[in-house]
Amino acid sequence: RIAAAGGSPQDRVLMNPASIAETYWQLHQQPRDAWTHELDLR
């Protein structure tokens, strides 16, 4: 999609799926007295 819009993937910092997965892991480990409901990732 970036290429179709005339850009280059090197022009943007894209999120690594493994980094996102690590956040899911950390969220699952949270103690119940400090749960996060909504989390922004960028």
PDB file of all heavy atoms in Angstrom:
ATOM      1  N   ARG A   1       0.829  -1.209   0.000  1.00  0.00           N
ATOM      2  CA  ARG A   1       0.000   0.000   0.000  1.00  0.00           C
ATOM      3  C   ARG A   1       0.863   1.259   0.000  1.00  0.00           C
ATOM      4  O   ARG A   1       0.534   2.241  -0.667  1.00  0.00           O
ATOM      5  CB  ARG A   1      -0.922  -0.007   1.218  1.00  0.00           C
ATOM      6  CG  ARG A   1      -2.032  -1.025   1.149  1.00  0.00           C
ATOM      7  CD  ARG A   1      -3.076  -0.805   2.216  1.00  0.00           C
ATOM      8  NE  ARG A   1      -3.761   0.467   2.056  1.00  0.00           N
ATOM      9  CZ  ARG A   1      -4.726   0.895   2.860  1.00  0.00           C
ATOM     10  NH1 ARG A   1      -5.095   0.159   3.889  1.00  0.00           N
ATOM     11  NH2 ARG A   1      -5.298   2.066   2.658  1.00  0.00           N
ATOM     12  N   ILE A   2       1.963   1.232   0.735  1.00  0.00           N
ATOM     13  CA  ILE A   2       2.868   2.383   0.749  1.00  0.00           C
ATOM     14  C   ILE A   2       3.459   2.597  -0.638  1.00  0.00           C
ATOM     15  O   ILE A   2       3.520   3.723  -1.153  1.00  0.00           O
ATOM     16  CB  ILE A   2       3.990   2.181   1.791  1.00  0.00           C
ATOM     17  CG1 ILE A   2       3.403   2.206   3.211  1.00  0.00           C
ATOM     18  CG2 ILE A   2       5.065   3.251   1.646  1.00  0.00           C
ATOM     19  CD1 ILE A   2       4.403   1.844   4.292  1.00  0.00           C
ATOM     20  N   ALA A   3       3.861   1.494  -1.271  1.00  0.00           N
ATOM     21  CA  ALA A   3       4.440   1.592  -2.610  1.00  0.00           C
ATOM     22  C   ALA A   3       3.403   2.088  -3.619  1.00  0.00           C
ATOM     23  O   ALA A   3       3.709   2.901  -4.497  1.00  0.00           O
ATOM     24  CB  ALA A   3       4.993   0.233  -3.040  1.00  0.00           C
ATOM     25  N   ALA A   4       2.160   1.608  -3.490  1.00  0.00           N
ATOM     26  CA  ALA A   4       1.103   2.024  -4.419  1.00  0.00           C
ATOM     27  C   ALA A   4       0.798   3.509  -4.292  1.00  0.00           C
ATOM     28  O   ALA A   4       0.370   4.155  -5.261  1.00  0.00           O
ATOM     29  CB  ALA A   4      -0.160   1.206  -4.158  1.00  0.00           C
ATOM     30  N   ALA A   5       1.039   4.074  -3.107  1.00  0.00           N
ATOM     31  CA  ALA A   5       0.809   5.504  -2.885  1.00  0.00           C
ATOM     32  C   ALA A   5       2.015   6.342  -3.280  1.00  0.00           C
ATOM     33  O   ALA A   5       2.028   7.564  -3.081  1.00  0.00           O
ATOM     34  CB  ALA A   5       0.465   5.755  -1.418  1.00  0.00           C
ATOM     35  N   GLY A   6       3.035   5.692  -3.842  1.00  0.00           N
ATOM     36  CA  GLY A   6       4.208   6.413  -4.314  1.00  0.00           C
ATOM     37  C   GLY A   6       5.283   6.600  -3.274  1.00  0.00           C
ATOM     38  O   GLY A   6       6.255   7.333  -3.492  1.00  0.00           O
ATOM     39  N   GLY A   7       5.147   5.935  -2.126  1.00  0.00           N
ATOM     40  CA  GLY A   7       6.138   6.067  -1.065  1.00  0.00           C
ATOM     41  C   GLY A   7       7.077   4.879  -1.009  1.00  0.00           C
ATOM     42  O   GLY A   7       7.066   4.005  -1.876  1.00  0.00           O
ATOM     43  N   SER A   8       7.869   4.844   0.030  1.00  0.00           N
ATOM     44  CA  SER A   8       8.797   3.750   0.259  1.00  0.00           C
ATOM     45  C   SER A   8       8.677   3.319   1.718  1.00  0.00           C
ATOM     46  O   SER A   8       8.561   4.166   2.613  1.00  0.00           O
ATOM     47  CB  SER A   8      10.241   4.195  -0.018  1.00  0.00           C
ATOM     48  OG  SER A   8      11.152   3.228   0.463  1.00  0.00           O
ATOM     49  N   PRO A   9       8.669   2.006   1.973  1.00  0.00           N
ATOM     50  CA  PRO A   9       8.601   1.542   3.366  1.00  0.00           C
ATOM     51  C   PRO A   9       9.715   2.117   4.235  1.00  0.00           C
ATOM     52  O   PRO A   9       9.554   2.268   5.444  1.00  0.00           O
ATOM     53  CB  PRO A   9       8.739   0.023   3.228  1.00  0.00           C
ATOM     54  CG  PRO A   9       8.223  -0.273   1.856  1.00  0.00           C
ATOM     55  CD  PRO A   9       8.645   0.903   1.021  1.00  0.00           C
ATOM     56  N   GLN A  10      10.843   2.468   3.606  1.00  0.00           N
ATOM     57  CA  GLN A  10      11.951   3.041   4.364  1.00  0.00           C
ATOM     58  C   GLN A  10      11.629   4.441   4.889  1.00  0.00           C
ATOM     59  O   GLN A  10      12.311   4.949   5.784  1.00  0.00           O
ATOM     60  CB  GLN A  10      13.222   3.092   3.507  1.00  0.00           C
ATOM     61  CG  GLN A  10      13.885   1.736   3.306  1.00  0.00           C
ATOM     62  CD  GLN A  10      13.090   0.811   2.405  1.00  0.00           C
ATOM     63  OE1 GLN A  10      12.490   1.262   1.421  1.00  0.00           O
ATOM     64  NE2 GLN A  10      13.067  -0.462   2.725  1.00  0.00           N
ATOM     65  N   ASP A  11      10.574   5.053   4.313  1.00  0.00           N
ATOM     66  CA  ASP A  11      10.188   6.400   4.739  1.00  0.00           C
ATOM     67  C   ASP A  11       9.414   6.391   6.053  1.00  0.00           C
ATOM     68  O   ASP A  11       9.206   7.446   6.650  1.00  0.00           O
ATOM     69  CB  ASP A  11       9.324   7.072   3.663  1.00  0.00           C
ATOM     70  CG  ASP A  11      10.084   7.262   2.353  1.00  0.00           C
ATOM     71  OD1 ASP A  11      11.320   7.317   2.402  1.00  0.00           O
ATOM     72  OD2 ASP A  11       9.425   7.331   1.303  1.00  0.00           O
ATOM     73  N   ARG A  12       8.965   5.213   6.497  1.00  0.00           N
ATOM     74  CA  ARG A  12       8.145   5.115   7.700  1.00  0.00           C
ATOM     75  C   ARG A  12       8.729   4.095   8.661  1.00  0.00           C
ATOM     76  O   ARG A  12       9.396   3.130   8.263  1.00  0.00           O
ATOM     77  CB  ARG A  12       6.715   4.672   7.349  1.00  0.00           C
ATOM     78  CG  ARG A  12       5.924   5.698   6.581  1.00  0.00           C
ATOM     79  CD  ARG A  12       4.462   5.295   6.528  1.00  0.00           C
ATOM     80  NE  ARG A  12       3.896   5.123   7.862  1.00  0.00           N
ATOM     81  CZ  ARG A  12       2.668   4.668   8.082  1.00  0.00           C
ATOM     82  NH1 ARG A  12       1.888   4.347   7.064  1.00  0.00           N
ATOM     83  NH2 ARG A  12       2.218   4.545   9.313  1.00  0.00           N
ATOM     84  N   VAL A  13       8.471   4.310   9.936  1.00  0.00           N
ATOM     85  CA  VAL A  13       8.824   3.322  10.950  1.00  0.00           C
ATOM     86  C   VAL A  13       7.599   2.431  11.136  1.00  0.00           C
ATOM     87  O   VAL A  13       6.555   2.883  11.623  1.00  0.00           O
ATOM     88  CB  VAL A  13       9.212   3.985  12.284  1.00  0.00           C
ATOM     89  CG1 VAL A  13       9.500   2.925  13.332  1.00  0.00           C
ATOM     90  CG2 VAL A  13      10.415   4.895  12.093  1.00  0.00           C
ATOM     91  N   LEU A  14       7.702   1.186  10.710  1.00  0.00           N
ATOM     92  CA  LEU A  14       6.603   0.243  10.824  1.00  0.00           C
ATOM     93  C   LEU A  14       6.778  -0.612  12.083  1.00  0.00           C
ATOM     94  O   LEU A  14       7.886  -0.886  12.510  1.00  0.00           O
ATOM     95  CB  LEU A  14       6.541  -0.657   9.587  1.00  0.00           C
ATOM     96  CG  LEU A  14       6.308   0.070   8.249  1.00  0.00           C
ATOM     97  CD1 LEU A  14       6.366  -0.921   7.096  1.00  0.00           C
ATOM     98  CD2 LEU A  14       4.969   0.800   8.258  1.00  0.00           C
ATOM     99  N   MET A  15       5.668  -1.024  12.642  1.00  0.00           N
ATOM    100  CA  MET A  15       5.704  -1.788  13.888  1.00  0.00           C
ATOM    101  C   MET A  15       6.054  -3.246  13.617  1.00  0.00           C
ATOM    102  O   MET A  15       5.495  -3.893  12.723  1.00  0.00           O
ATOM    103  CB  MET A  15       4.351  -1.707  14.602  1.00  0.00           C
ATOM    104  CG  MET A  15       3.946  -0.295  14.975  1.00  0.00           C
ATOM    105  SD  MET A  15       2.315  -0.216  15.767  1.00  0.00           S
ATOM    106  CE  MET A  15       2.709  -0.871  17.378  1.00  0.00           C
ATOM    107  N   ASN A  16       6.959  -3.776  14.407  1.00  0.00           N
ATOM    108  CA  ASN A  16       7.345  -5.179  14.321  1.00  0.00           C
ATOM    109  C   ASN A  16       6.275  -6.010  15.035  1.00  0.00           C
ATOM    110  O   ASN A  16       5.974  -5.769  16.203  1.00  0.00           O
ATOM    111  CB  ASN A  16       8.700  -5.374  15.002  1.00  0.00           C
ATOM    112  CG  ASN A  16       9.236  -6.780  14.847  1.00  0.00           C
ATOM    113  OD1 ASN A  16       8.487  -7.739  14.674  1.00  0.00           O
ATOM    114  ND2 ASN A  16      10.547  -6.923  14.929  1.00  0.00           N
ATOM    115  N   PRO A  17       5.675  -7.004  14.365  1.00  0.00           N
ATOM    116  CA  PRO A  17       4.647  -7.816  15.025  1.00  0.00           C
ATOM    117  C   PRO A  17       5.131  -8.447  16.334  1.00  0.00           C
ATOM    118  O   PRO A  17       4.347  -8.581  17.277  1.00  0.00           O
ATOM    119  CB  PRO A  17       4.323  -8.885  13.977  1.00  0.00           C
ATOM    120  CG  PRO A  17       4.612  -8.223  12.676  1.00  0.00           C
ATOM    121  CD  PRO A  17       5.816  -7.360  12.937  1.00  0.00           C
ATOM    122  N   ALA A  18       6.407  -8.802  16.411  1.00  0.00           N
ATOM    123  CA  ALA A  18       6.926  -9.400  17.637  1.00  0.00           C
ATOM    124  C   ALA A  18       6.894  -8.400  18.793  1.00  0.00           C
ATOM    125  O   ALA A  18       6.671  -8.788  19.956  1.00  0.00           O
ATOM    126  CB  ALA A  18       8.355  -9.903  17.418  1.00  0.00           C
ATOM    127  N   SER A  19       7.101  -7.133  18.505  1.00  0.00           N
ATOM    128  CA  SER A  19       7.026  -6.097  19.543  1.00  0.00           C
ATOM    129  C   SER A  19       5.598  -5.952  20.054  1.00  0.00           C
ATOM    130  O   SER A  19       5.363  -5.761  21.255  1.00  0.00           O
ATOM    131  CB  SER A  19       7.527  -4.761  19.001  1.00  0.00           C
ATOM    132  OG  SER A  19       8.869  -4.859  18.548  1.00  0.00           O
ATOM    133  N   ILE A  20       4.646  -6.031  19.138  1.00  0.00           N
ATOM    134  CA  ILE A  20       3.242  -5.970  19.527  1.00  0.00           C
ATOM    135  C   ILE A  20       2.891  -7.165  20.396  1.00  0.00           C
ATOM    136  O   ILE A  20       2.225  -7.037  21.434  1.00  0.00           O
ATOM    137  CB  ILE A  20       2.347  -5.910  18.278  1.00  0.00           C
ATOM    138  CG1 ILE A  20       2.647  -4.643  17.467  1.00  0.00           C
ATOM    139  CG2 ILE A  20       0.873  -5.963  18.663  1.00  0.00           C
ATOM    140  CD1 ILE A  20       1.942  -4.599  16.126  1.00  0.00           C
ATOM    141  N   ALA A  21       3.346  -8.344  19.989  1.00  0.00           N
ATOM    142  CA  ALA A  21       3.058  -9.556  20.754  1.00  0.00           C
ATOM    143  C   ALA A  21       3.619  -9.473  22.166  1.00  0.00           C
ATOM    144  O   ALA A  21       2.999  -9.976  23.118  1.00  0.00           O
ATOM    145  CB  ALA A  21       3.630 -10.775  20.028  1.00  0.00           C
ATOM    146  N   GLU A  22       4.760  -8.837  22.314  1.00  0.00           N
ATOM    147  CA  GLU A  22       5.348  -8.698  23.650  1.00  0.00           C
ATOM    148  C   GLU A  22       4.439  -7.853  24.545  1.00  0.00           C
ATOM    149  O   GLU A  22       4.321  -8.107  25.750  1.00  0.00           O
ATOM    150  CB  GLU A  22       6.733  -8.066  23.545  1.00  0.00           C
ATOM    151  CG  GLU A  22       7.525  -8.084  24.841  1.00  0.00           C
ATOM    152  CD  GLU A  22       7.807  -9.486  25.332  1.00  0.00           C
ATOM    153  OE1 GLU A  22       8.003 -10.412  24.511  1.00  0.00           O
ATOM    154  OE2 GLU A  22       7.836  -9.677  26.578  1.00  0.00           O
ATOM    155  N   THR A  23       3.775  -6.863  23.959  1.00  0.00           N
ATOM    156  CA  THR A  23       2.842  -6.048  24.736  1.00  0.00           C
ATOM    157  C   THR A  23       1.645  -6.881  25.186  1.00  0.00           C
ATOM    158  O   THR A  23       1.168  -6.739  26.317  1.00  0.00           O
ATOM    159  CB  THR A  23       2.379  -4.842  23.911  1.00  0.00           C
ATOM    160  OG1 THR A  23       3.516  -4.046  23.554  1.00  0.00           O
ATOM    161  CG2 THR A  23       1.407  -3.985  24.698  1.00  0.00           C
ATOM    162  N   TYR A  24       1.145  -7.752  24.312  1.00  0.00           N
ATOM    163  CA  TYR A  24       0.049  -8.645  24.712  1.00  0.00           C
ATOM    164  C   TYR A  24       0.485  -9.522  25.896  1.00  0.00           C
ATOM    165  O   TYR A  24      -0.292  -9.749  26.828  1.00  0.00           O
ATOM    166  CB  TYR A  24      -0.368  -9.531  23.541  1.00  0.00           C
ATOM    167  CG  TYR A  24      -1.260  -8.852  22.526  1.00  0.00           C
ATOM    168  CD1 TYR A  24      -0.763  -7.852  21.690  1.00  0.00           C
ATOM    169  CD2 TYR A  24      -2.592  -9.202  22.388  1.00  0.00           C
ATOM    170  CE1 TYR A  24      -1.572  -7.232  20.757  1.00  0.00           C
ATOM    171  CE2 TYR A  24      -3.408  -8.592  21.451  1.00  0.00           C
ATOM    172  CZ  TYR A  24      -2.886  -7.597  20.644  1.00  0.00           C
ATOM    173  OH  TYR A  24      -3.696  -6.974  19.720  1.00  0.00           O
ATOM    174  N   TRP A  25       1.698 -10.000  25.835  1.00  0.00           N
ATOM    175  CA  TRP A  25       2.228 -10.831  26.915  1.00  0.00           C
ATOM    176  C   TRP A  25       2.290 -10.048  28.228  1.00  0.00           C
ATOM    177  O   TRP A  25       1.850 -10.518  29.275  1.00  0.00           O
ATOM    178  CB  TRP A  25       3.603 -11.373  26.535  1.00  0.00           C
ATOM    179  CG  TRP A  25       4.319 -12.054  27.672  1.00  0.00           C
ATOM    180  CD1 TRP A  25       5.370 -11.576  28.394  1.00  0.00           C
ATOM    181  CD2 TRP A  25       4.004 -13.335  28.222  1.00  0.00           C
ATOM    182  NE1 TRP A  25       5.742 -12.473  29.368  1.00  0.00           N
ATOM    183  CE2 TRP A  25       4.919 -13.557  29.281  1.00  0.00           C
ATOM    184  CE3 TRP A  25       3.058 -14.309  27.937  1.00  0.00           C
ATOM    185  CZ2 TRP A  25       4.905 -14.730  30.048  1.00  0.00           C
ATOM    186  CZ3 TRP A  25       3.041 -15.476  28.701  1.00  0.00           C
ATOM    187  CH2 TRP A  25       3.948 -15.669  29.733  1.00  0.00           C
ATOM    188  N   GLN A  26       2.836  -8.842  28.166  1.00  0.00           N
ATOM    189  CA  GLN A  26       2.948  -8.019  29.368  1.00  0.00           C
ATOM    190  C   GLN A  26       1.576  -7.672  29.940  1.00  0.00           C
ATOM    191  O   GLN A  26       1.379  -7.665  31.161  1.00  0.00           O
ATOM    192  CB  GLN A  26       3.731  -6.748  29.051  1.00  0.00           C
ATOM    193  CG  GLN A  26       5.191  -6.987  28.704  1.00  0.00           C
ATOM    194  CD  GLN A  26       5.862  -5.771  28.093  1.00  0.00           C
ATOM    195  OE1 GLN A  26       5.246  -4.711  27.953  1.00  0.00           O
ATOM    196  NE2 GLN A  26       7.123  -5.917  27.705  1.00  0.00           N
ATOM    197  N   LEU A  27       0.615  -7.408  29.058  1.00  0.00           N
ATOM    198  CA  LEU A  27      -0.735  -7.082  29.498  1.00  0.00           C
ATOM    199  C   LEU A  27      -1.359  -8.263  30.247  1.00  0.00           C
ATOM    200  O   LEU A  27      -2.036  -8.087  31.270  1.00  0.00           O
ATOM    201  CB  LEU A  27      -1.575  -6.719  28.276  1.00  0.00           C
ATOM    202  CG  LEU A  27      -2.877  -5.936  28.460  1.00  0.00           C
ATOM    203  CD1 LEU A  27      -2.608  -4.588  29.112  1.00  0.00           C
ATOM    204  CD2 LEU A  27      -3.560  -5.755  27.114  1.00  0.00           C
ATOM    205  N   HIS A  28      -1.109  -9.453  29.742  1.00  0.00           N
ATOM    206  CA  HIS A  28      -1.658 -10.657  30.379  1.00  0.00           C
ATOM    207  C   HIS A  28      -1.048 -10.899  31.760  1.00  0.00           C
ATOM    208  O   HIS A  28      -1.662 -11.562  32.598  1.00  0.00           O
ATOM    209  CB  HIS A  28      -1.427 -11.865  29.476  1.00  0.00           C
ATOM    210  CG  HIS A  28      -2.004 -13.137  30.003  1.00  0.00           C
ATOM    211  ND1 HIS A  28      -3.345 -13.280  30.303  1.00  0.00           N
ATOM    212  CD2 HIS A  28      -1.428 -14.331  30.293  1.00  0.00           C
ATOM    213  CE1 HIS A  28      -3.569 -14.512  30.748  1.00  0.00           C
ATOM    214  NE2 HIS A  28      -2.430 -15.160  30.754  1.00  0.00           N
ATOM    215  N   GLN A  29       0.151 -10.368  31.991  1.00  0.00           N
ATOM    216  CA  GLN A  29       0.827 -10.583  33.265  1.00  0.00           C
ATOM    217  C   GLN A  29       0.455  -9.555  34.332  1.00  0.00           C
ATOM    218  O   GLN A  29       0.887  -9.664  35.478  1.00  0.00           O
ATOM    219  CB  GLN A  29       2.353 -10.527  33.057  1.00  0.00           C
ATOM    220  CG  GLN A  29       2.892 -11.518  32.043  1.00  0.00           C
ATOM    221  CD  GLN A  29       2.510 -12.944  32.362  1.00  0.00           C
ATOM    222  OE1 GLN A  29       2.718 -13.411  33.469  1.00  0.00           O
ATOM    223  NE2 GLN A  29       1.924 -13.635  31.389  1.00  0.00           N
ATOM    224  N   GLN A  30      -0.348  -8.556  33.984  1.00  0.00           N
ATOM    225  CA  GLN A  30      -0.633  -7.487  34.937  1.00  0.00           C
ATOM    226  C   GLN A  30      -1.369  -8.005  36.177  1.00  0.00           C
ATOM    227  O   GLN A  30      -2.264  -8.845  36.062  1.00  0.00           O
ATOM    228  CB  GLN A  30      -1.499  -6.407  34.280  1.00  0.00           C
ATOM    229  CG  GLN A  30      -0.777  -5.530  33.293  1.00  0.00           C
ATOM    230  CD  GLN A  30      -1.683  -4.425  32.761  1.00  0.00           C
ATOM    231  OE1 GLN A  30      -2.895  -4.592  32.653  1.00  0.00           O
ATOM    232  NE2 GLN A  30      -1.087  -3.295  32.414  1.00  0.00           N
ATOM    233  N   PRO A  31      -1.005  -7.491  37.355  1.00  0.00           N
ATOM    234  CA  PRO A  31      -1.770  -7.829  38.563  1.00  0.00           C
ATOM    235  C   PRO A  31      -3.154  -7.192  38.488  1.00  0.00           C
ATOM    236  O   PRO A  31      -3.329  -6.125  37.898  1.00  0.00           O
ATOM    237  CB  PRO A  31      -0.932  -7.224  39.690  1.00  0.00           C
ATOM    238  CG  PRO A  31      -0.167  -6.116  39.043  1.00  0.00           C
ATOM    239  CD  PRO A  31       0.115  -6.574  37.645  1.00  0.00           C
ATOM    240  N   ARG A  32      -4.128  -7.841  39.088  1.00  0.00           N
ATOM    241  CA  ARG A  32      -5.505  -7.387  38.906  1.00  0.00           C
ATOM    242  C   ARG A  32      -5.823  -6.074  39.618  1.00  0.00           C
ATOM    243  O   ARG A  32      -6.882  -5.483  39.383  1.00  0.00           O
ATOM    244  CB  ARG A  32      -6.482  -8.473  39.353  1.00  0.00           C
ATOM    245  CG  ARG A  32      -6.391  -8.867  40.813  1.00  0.00           C
ATOM    246  CD  ARG A  32      -7.360  -9.987  41.102  1.00  0.00           C
ATOM    247  NE  ARG A  32      -7.276 -10.434  42.489  1.00  0.00           N
ATOM    248  CZ  ARG A  32      -8.023 -11.413  42.990  1.00  0.00           C
ATOM    249  NH1 ARG A  32      -8.902 -12.032  42.211  1.00  0.00           N
ATOM    250  NH2 ARG A  32      -7.894 -11.772  44.250  1.00  0.00           N
ATOM    251  N   ASP A  33      -4.924  -5.609  40.490  1.00  0.00           N
ATOM    252  CA  ASP A  33      -5.167  -4.311  41.117  1.00  0.00           C
ATOM    253  C   ASP A  33      -4.627  -3.167  40.267  1.00  0.00           C
ATOM    254  O   ASP A  33      -4.695  -2.009  40.668  1.00  0.00           O
ATOM    255  CB  ASP A  33      -4.566  -4.255  42.527  1.00  0.00           C
ATOM    256  CG  ASP A  33      -3.060  -4.427  42.536  1.00  0.00           C
ATOM    257  OD1 ASP A  33      -2.526  -5.046  41.586  1.00  0.00           O
ATOM    258  OD2 ASP A  33      -2.410  -3.951  43.483  1.00  0.00           O
ATOM    259  N   ALA A  34      -4.108  -3.477  39.071  1.00  0.00           N
ATOM    260  CA  ALA A  34      -3.598  -2.428  38.172  1.00  0.00           C
ATOM    261  C   ALA A  34      -3.779  -2.862  36.722  1.00  0.00           C
ATOM    262  O   ALA A  34      -2.849  -2.824  35.920  1.00  0.00           O
ATOM    263  CB  ALA A  34      -2.136  -2.128  38.471  1.00  0.00           C
ATOM    264  N   TRP A  35      -4.991  -3.254  36.379  1.00  0.00           N
ATOM    265  CA  TRP A  35      -5.281  -3.677  35.025  1.00  0.00           C
ATOM    266  C   TRP A  35      -5.406  -2.486  34.075  1.00  0.00           C
ATOM    267  O   TRP A  35      -5.984  -1.446  34.427  1.00  0.00           O
ATOM    268  CB  TRP A  35      -6.602  -4.450  34.982  1.00  0.00           C
ATOM    269  CG  TRP A  35      -6.458  -5.910  35.287  1.00  0.00           C
ATOM    270  CD1 TRP A  35      -5.308  -6.635  35.388  1.00  0.00           C
ATOM    271  CD2 TRP A  35      -7.529  -6.836  35.525  1.00  0.00           C
ATOM    272  NE1 TRP A  35      -5.583  -7.942  35.670  1.00  0.00           N
ATOM    273  CE2 TRP A  35      -6.949  -8.098  35.760  1.00  0.00           C
ATOM    274  CE3 TRP A  35      -8.921  -6.713  35.561  1.00  0.00           C
ATOM    275  CZ2 TRP A  35      -7.711  -9.234  36.032  1.00  0.00           C
ATOM    276  CZ3 TRP A  35      -9.673  -7.842  35.824  1.00  0.00           C
ATOM    277  CH2 TRP A  35      -9.079  -9.091  36.057  1.00  0.00           C
ATOM    278  N   THR A  36      -4.888  -2.657  32.873  1.00  0.00           N
ATOM    279  CA  THR A  36      -5.095  -1.700  31.791  1.00  0.00           C
ATOM    280  C   THR A  36      -6.272  -2.178  30.956  1.00  0.00           C
ATOM    281  O   THR A  36      -6.333  -3.356  30.589  1.00  0.00           O
ATOM    282  CB  THR A  36      -3.844  -1.611  30.896  1.00  0.00           C
ATOM    283  OG1 THR A  36      -2.756  -1.092  31.651  1.00  0.00           O
ATOM    284  CG2 THR A  36      -4.093  -0.725  29.686  1.00  0.00           C
ATOM    285  N   HIS A  37      -7.195  -1.268  30.648  1.00  0.00           N
ATOM    286  CA  HIS A  37      -8.268  -1.654  29.724  1.00  0.00           C
ATOM    287  C   HIS A  37      -7.904  -1.283  28.296  1.00  0.00           C
ATOM    288  O   HIS A  37      -8.010  -2.101  27.389  1.00  0.00           O
ATOM    289  CB  HIS A  37      -9.607  -1.018  30.070  1.00  0.00           C
ATOM    290  CG  HIS A  37     -10.598  -1.179  28.950  1.00  0.00           C
ATOM    291  ND1 HIS A  37     -11.046  -2.425  28.543  1.00  0.00           N
ATOM    292  CD2 HIS A  37     -11.168  -0.279  28.102  1.00  0.00           C
ATOM    293  CE1 HIS A  37     -11.859  -2.273  27.499  1.00  0.00           C
ATOM    294  NE2 HIS A  37     -11.952  -0.988  27.218  1.00  0.00           N
ATOM    295  N   GLU A  38      -7.469  -0.036  28.064  1.00  0.00           N
ATOM    296  CA  GLU A  38      -7.155   0.385  26.703  1.00  0.00           C
ATOM    297  C   GLU A  38      -5.715   0.849  26.622  1.00  0.00           C
ATOM    298  O   GLU A  38      -5.230   1.574  27.492  1.00  0.00           O
ATOM    299  CB  GLU A  38      -8.090   1.497  26.238  1.00  0.00           C
ATOM    300  CG  GLU A  38      -7.942   1.814  24.754  1.00  0.00           C
ATOM    301  CD  GLU A  38      -9.155   2.533  24.208  1.00  0.00           C
ATOM    302  OE1 GLU A  38      -9.297   3.738  24.489  1.00  0.00           O
ATOM    303  OE2 GLU A  38      -9.962   1.890  23.511  1.00  0.00           O
ATOM    304  N   LEU A  39      -5.056   0.433  25.549  1.00  0.00           N
ATOM    305  CA  LEU A  39      -3.635   0.695  25.391  1.00  0.00           C
ATOM    306  C   LEU A  39      -3.364   1.096  23.951  1.00  0.00           C
ATOM    307  O   LEU A  39      -3.806   0.422  23.023  1.00  0.00           O
ATOM    308  CB  LEU A  39      -2.852  -0.578  25.750  1.00  0.00           C
ATOM    309  CG  LEU A  39      -1.335  -0.515  25.804  1.00  0.00           C
ATOM    310  CD1 LEU A  39      -0.887   0.399  26.934  1.00  0.00           C
ATOM    311  CD2 LEU A  39      -0.773  -1.921  26.026  1.00  0.00           C
ATOM    312  N   ASP A  40      -2.670   2.236  23.761  1.00  0.00           N
ATOM    313  CA  ASP A  40      -2.254   2.671  22.425  1.00  0.00           C
ATOM    314  C   ASP A  40      -0.844   2.170  22.160  1.00  0.00           C
ATOM    315  O   ASP A  40       0.033   2.285  23.012  1.00  0.00           O
ATOM    316  CB  ASP A  40      -2.224   4.200  22.331  1.00  0.00           C
ATOM    317  CG  ASP A  40      -3.598   4.828  22.424  1.00  0.00           C
ATOM    318  OD1 ASP A  40      -4.551   4.127  22.817  1.00  0.00           O
ATOM    319  OD2 ASP A  40      -3.715   6.025  22.126  1.00  0.00           O
ATOM    320  N   LEU A  41      -0.616   1.659  20.947  1.00  0.00           N
ATOM    321  CA  LEU A  41       0.718   1.249  20.540  1.00  0.00           C
ATOM    322  C   LEU A  41       1.074   1.972  19.252  1.00  0.00           C
ATOM    323  O   LEU A  41       0.302   1.951  18.289  1.00  0.00           O
ATOM    324  CB  LEU A  41       0.796  -0.261  20.299  1.00  0.00           C
ATOM    325  CG  LEU A  41       0.743  -1.187  21.505  1.00  0.00           C
ATOM    326  CD1 LEU A  41      -0.693  -1.456  21.917  1.00  0.00           C
ATOM    327  CD2 LEU A  41       1.423  -2.508  21.182  1.00  0.00           C
ATOM    328  N   ARG A  42       2.255   2.600  19.245  1.00  0.00           N
ATOM    329  CA  ARG A  42       2.741   3.262  18.027  1.00  0.00           C
ATOM    330  C   ARG A  42       4.257   3.419  18.136  1.00  0.00           C
ATOM    331  O   ARG A  42       4.799   3.519  19.239  1.00  0.00           O
ATOM    332  CB  ARG A  42       2.072   4.622  17.830  1.00  0.00           C
ATOM    333  CG  ARG A  42       2.362   5.636  18.914  1.00  0.00           C
ATOM    334  CD  ARG A  42       1.641   6.963  18.658  1.00  0.00           C
ATOM    335  NE  ARG A  42       0.202   6.828  18.707  1.00  0.00           N
ATOM    336  CZ  ARG A  42      -0.532   6.921  19.828  1.00  0.00           C
ATOM    337  NH1 ARG A  42       0.071   7.101  20.994  1.00  0.00           N
ATOM    338  NH2 ARG A  42      -1.831   6.798  19.784  1.00  0.00           N
TER     339      ARG A  42
END
